[in-house]
Amino acid sequence: MSPISFLKDVKTELEKVTWPIKEEVINATLGVMLFTAVIAAYFWVADMVFSKLLQFIIKQGV
């Protein structure tokens, strides 16, 4: 396949793409950010719980 033919095929395929509208991009971005914040909060709480538990175990000398 020649480079020119390849580029023509790429252009043809890109014309078939359905690009999202601005509102869809904004909503998807906000959804990802919210999900990331929830997961980060979960891991932060889990880290704090395990940290306190480990400190308790070390203090007790077990």
C-alpha atoms as a PDB file:
ATOM      1  CA  MET A   1       0.000   0.000   0.000  1.00  0.00           C
ATOM      2  CA  SER A   2       1.422   3.362  -0.975  1.00  0.00           C
ATOM      3  CA  PRO A   3       1.593   6.213   1.544  1.00  0.00           C
ATOM      4  CA  ILE A   4      -0.828   8.293  -0.555  1.00  0.00           C
ATOM      5  CA  SER A   5      -3.374   5.472  -0.649  1.00  0.00           C
ATOM      6  CA  PHE A   6      -2.985   4.978   3.091  1.00  0.00           C
ATOM      7  CA  LEU A   7      -3.606   8.670   3.793  1.00  0.00           C
ATOM      8  CA  LYS A   8      -6.689   8.651   1.569  1.00  0.00           C
ATOM      9  CA  ASP A   9      -8.027   5.653   3.504  1.00  0.00           C
ATOM     10  CA  VAL A  10      -7.325   7.427   6.793  1.00  0.00           C
ATOM     11  CA  LYS A  11      -9.221  10.498   5.599  1.00  0.00           C
ATOM     12  CA  THR A  12     -12.154   8.337   4.491  1.00  0.00           C
ATOM     13  CA  GLU A  13     -12.297   6.583   7.868  1.00  0.00           C
ATOM     14  CA  LEU A  14     -12.074   9.854   9.801  1.00  0.00           C
ATOM     15  CA  GLU A  15     -15.059  11.195   7.870  1.00  0.00           C
ATOM     16  CA  LYS A  16     -17.090   8.252   9.227  1.00  0.00           C
ATOM     17  CA  VAL A  17     -16.330   9.133  12.852  1.00  0.00           C
ATOM     18  CA  THR A  18     -19.202  10.521  14.904  1.00  0.00           C
ATOM     19  CA  TRP A  19     -17.582  13.138  17.107  1.00  0.00           C
ATOM     20  CA  PRO A  20     -19.218  13.901  20.468  1.00  0.00           C
ATOM     21  CA  ILE A  21     -20.879  17.237  21.035  1.00  0.00           C
ATOM     22  CA  LYS A  22     -19.560  19.679  23.635  1.00  0.00           C
ATOM     23  CA  GLU A  23     -22.163  18.741  26.262  1.00  0.00           C
ATOM     24  CA  GLU A  24     -21.299  15.033  25.959  1.00  0.00           C
ATOM     25  CA  VAL A  25     -17.607  15.775  26.454  1.00  0.00           C
ATOM     26  CA  ILE A  26     -18.331  17.972  29.480  1.00  0.00           C
ATOM     27  CA  ASN A  27     -20.661  15.381  31.050  1.00  0.00           C
ATOM     28  CA  ALA A  28     -18.177  12.547  30.481  1.00  0.00           C
ATOM     29  CA  THR A  29     -15.349  14.635  31.949  1.00  0.00           C
ATOM     30  CA  LEU A  30     -17.389  15.520  35.038  1.00  0.00           C
ATOM     31  CA  GLY A  31     -18.365  11.869  35.468  1.00  0.00           C
ATOM     32  CA  VAL A  32     -14.740  10.751  35.332  1.00  0.00           C
ATOM     33  CA  MET A  33     -13.692  13.472  37.768  1.00  0.00           C
ATOM     34  CA  LEU A  34     -16.462  12.534  40.221  1.00  0.00           C
ATOM     35  CA  PHE A  35     -15.639   8.833  39.980  1.00  0.00           C
ATOM     36  CA  THR A  36     -11.941   9.574  40.510  1.00  0.00           C
ATOM     37  CA  ALA A  37     -12.713  11.702  43.572  1.00  0.00           C
ATOM     38  CA  VAL A  38     -14.905   8.966  45.090  1.00  0.00           C
ATOM     39  CA  ILE A  39     -12.260   6.292  44.526  1.00  0.00           C
ATOM     40  CA  ALA A  40      -9.537   8.584  45.915  1.00  0.00           C
ATOM     41  CA  ALA A  41     -11.627   9.249  49.043  1.00  0.00           C
ATOM     42  CA  TYR A  42     -12.214   5.523  49.489  1.00  0.00           C
ATOM     43  CA  PHE A  43      -8.489   4.744  49.309  1.00  0.00           C
ATOM     44  CA  TRP A  44      -7.675   7.677  51.605  1.00  0.00           C
ATOM     45  CA  VAL A  45     -10.095   6.366  54.254  1.00  0.00           C
ATOM     46  CA  ALA A  46      -8.819   2.797  53.844  1.00  0.00           C
ATOM     47  CA  ASP A  47      -5.232   4.030  54.185  1.00  0.00           C
ATOM     48  CA  MET A  48      -6.081   5.939  57.361  1.00  0.00           C
ATOM     49  CA  VAL A  49      -7.860   2.931  58.881  1.00  0.00           C
ATOM     50  CA  PHE A  50      -4.987   0.554  58.111  1.00  0.00           C
ATOM     51  CA  SER A  51      -2.446   3.112  59.328  1.00  0.00           C
ATOM     52  CA  LYS A  52      -4.237   3.501  62.673  1.00  0.00           C
ATOM     53  CA  LEU A  53      -4.631  -0.262  62.953  1.00  0.00           C
ATOM     54  CA  LEU A  54      -0.925  -0.794  62.320  1.00  0.00           C
ATOM     55  CA  GLN A  55      -0.008   1.898  64.844  1.00  0.00           C
ATOM     56  CA  PHE A  56      -2.259   0.197  67.413  1.00  0.00           C
ATOM     57  CA  ILE A  57      -0.690  -3.202  66.760  1.00  0.00           C
ATOM     58  CA  ILE A  58       2.842  -1.794  67.028  1.00  0.00           C
ATOM     59  CA  LYS A  59       1.982   0.038  70.274  1.00  0.00           C
ATOM     60  CA  GLN A  60       0.589  -3.144  71.818  1.00  0.00           C
ATOM     61  CA  GLY A  61       3.762  -5.031  70.980  1.00  0.00           C
ATOM     62  CA  VAL A  62       1.871  -7.886  69.356  1.00  0.00           C
END
